[in-house]
Amino acid sequence: MSERYSTFKAPRGGIMTTEVGAITGELELHTAADENGLLALHIRYAGADEWYTIEGSPYQLHDARDADVLHTILIEMLHRPQP
């Protein structure tokens, strides 16, 4: 299993979760892919205990090795300047 964590500031409008809708502020992204390439995306307020599922998660990857690259891309996209 491949797991990664990163802290970031939510873009304008926040990140949509299945449990509580959009969350904003200082957040932590957790990505985890199993050996079959099923990638789960979770988010929480930085330092909080409760994790939320990012809307649309989990995703099926073509290759489980892509999980680390996808995590990096997601964080880069979330750090883009907002229009």
Protein backbone atom coordinates (compact mmCIF):
# COMPACT_ATOMS: atom_id res chain seq x y z
CA MET A 1 0.00 0.00 0.00
CA SER A 2 1.21 3.50 -0.85
CA GLU A 3 0.25 6.36 1.49
CA ARG A 4 1.13 10.07 1.45
CA TYR A 5 0.13 13.12 3.48
CA SER A 6 0.45 16.83 2.65
CA THR A 7 -0.80 20.01 4.31
CA PHE A 8 -2.09 22.89 2.18
CA LYS A 9 -4.46 25.86 2.21
CA ALA A 10 -7.78 25.12 0.50
CA PRO A 11 -8.47 26.93 -2.77
CA ARG A 12 -11.37 29.38 -3.00
CA GLY A 13 -14.60 27.42 -2.60
CA GLY A 14 -12.91 24.69 -0.55
CA ILE A 15 -12.73 20.96 -1.16
CA MET A 16 -15.99 19.04 -1.58
CA THR A 17 -16.47 16.05 0.70
CA THR A 18 -19.20 13.43 0.73
CA GLU A 19 -19.83 13.75 4.47
CA VAL A 20 -20.03 17.50 5.18
CA GLY A 21 -19.87 19.33 1.84
CA ALA A 22 -17.08 21.85 1.19
CA ILE A 23 -14.37 22.44 3.78
CA THR A 24 -11.94 25.33 3.73
CA GLY A 25 -8.87 26.60 5.55
CA GLU A 26 -5.64 24.80 6.39
CA LEU A 27 -6.18 21.17 5.32
CA GLU A 28 -4.32 17.88 5.13
CA LEU A 29 -4.61 15.55 2.13
CA HIS A 30 -4.17 11.80 2.59
CA THR A 31 -3.90 9.53 -0.43
CA ALA A 32 -3.71 5.75 -0.13
CA ALA A 33 -3.54 3.20 -2.94
CA ASP A 34 -3.80 -0.53 -2.45
CA GLU A 35 -1.92 -3.14 -4.51
CA ASN A 36 -4.81 -3.25 -7.03
CA GLY A 37 -4.55 0.47 -7.73
CA LEU A 38 -7.67 1.57 -5.85
CA LEU A 39 -6.83 5.12 -4.70
CA ALA A 40 -8.67 6.63 -1.73
CA LEU A 41 -8.56 10.41 -1.16
CA HIS A 42 -9.28 11.82 2.30
CA ILE A 43 -9.01 15.27 3.78
CA ARG A 44 -9.19 16.82 7.22
CA TYR A 45 -8.64 20.14 8.91
CA ALA A 46 -4.91 20.31 9.71
CA GLY A 47 -4.36 18.81 13.16
CA ALA A 48 -7.91 17.44 13.49
CA ASP A 49 -8.81 13.82 14.17
CA GLU A 50 -11.70 13.32 11.75
CA TRP A 51 -11.05 12.50 8.08
CA TYR A 52 -13.56 13.16 5.27
CA THR A 53 -13.82 11.46 1.89
CA ILE A 54 -13.16 13.71 -1.09
CA GLU A 55 -16.17 13.62 -3.40
CA GLY A 56 -15.69 10.99 -6.12
CA SER A 57 -13.19 8.90 -4.16
CA PRO A 58 -12.06 6.13 -4.52
CA TYR A 59 -10.53 6.07 -8.00
CA GLN A 60 -9.19 3.12 -9.93
CA LEU A 61 -5.64 3.73 -11.18
CA HIS A 62 -4.31 1.99 -14.26
CA ASP A 63 -1.12 1.25 -12.31
CA ALA A 64 -0.82 1.38 -8.50
CA ARG A 65 2.65 2.92 -8.89
CA ASP A 66 0.98 6.11 -10.15
CA ALA A 67 -0.39 6.92 -6.66
CA ASP A 68 2.67 8.92 -5.54
CA VAL A 69 2.75 10.93 -8.75
CA LEU A 70 -0.98 11.63 -8.52
CA HIS A 71 -0.62 12.86 -4.93
CA THR A 72 2.05 15.33 -6.04
CA ILE A 73 -0.07 16.53 -8.95
CA LEU A 74 -3.11 17.02 -6.71
CA ILE A 75 -1.14 19.15 -4.24
CA GLU A 76 0.34 21.22 -7.09
CA MET A 77 -3.13 21.81 -8.51
CA LEU A 78 -4.48 22.82 -5.11
CA HIS A 79 -1.63 25.36 -4.73
CA ARG A 80 -2.32 27.05 -8.09
CA PRO A 81 -3.14 30.74 -7.87
CA GLN A 82 -6.89 31.28 -8.07
CA PRO A 83 -8.34 33.42 -10.88
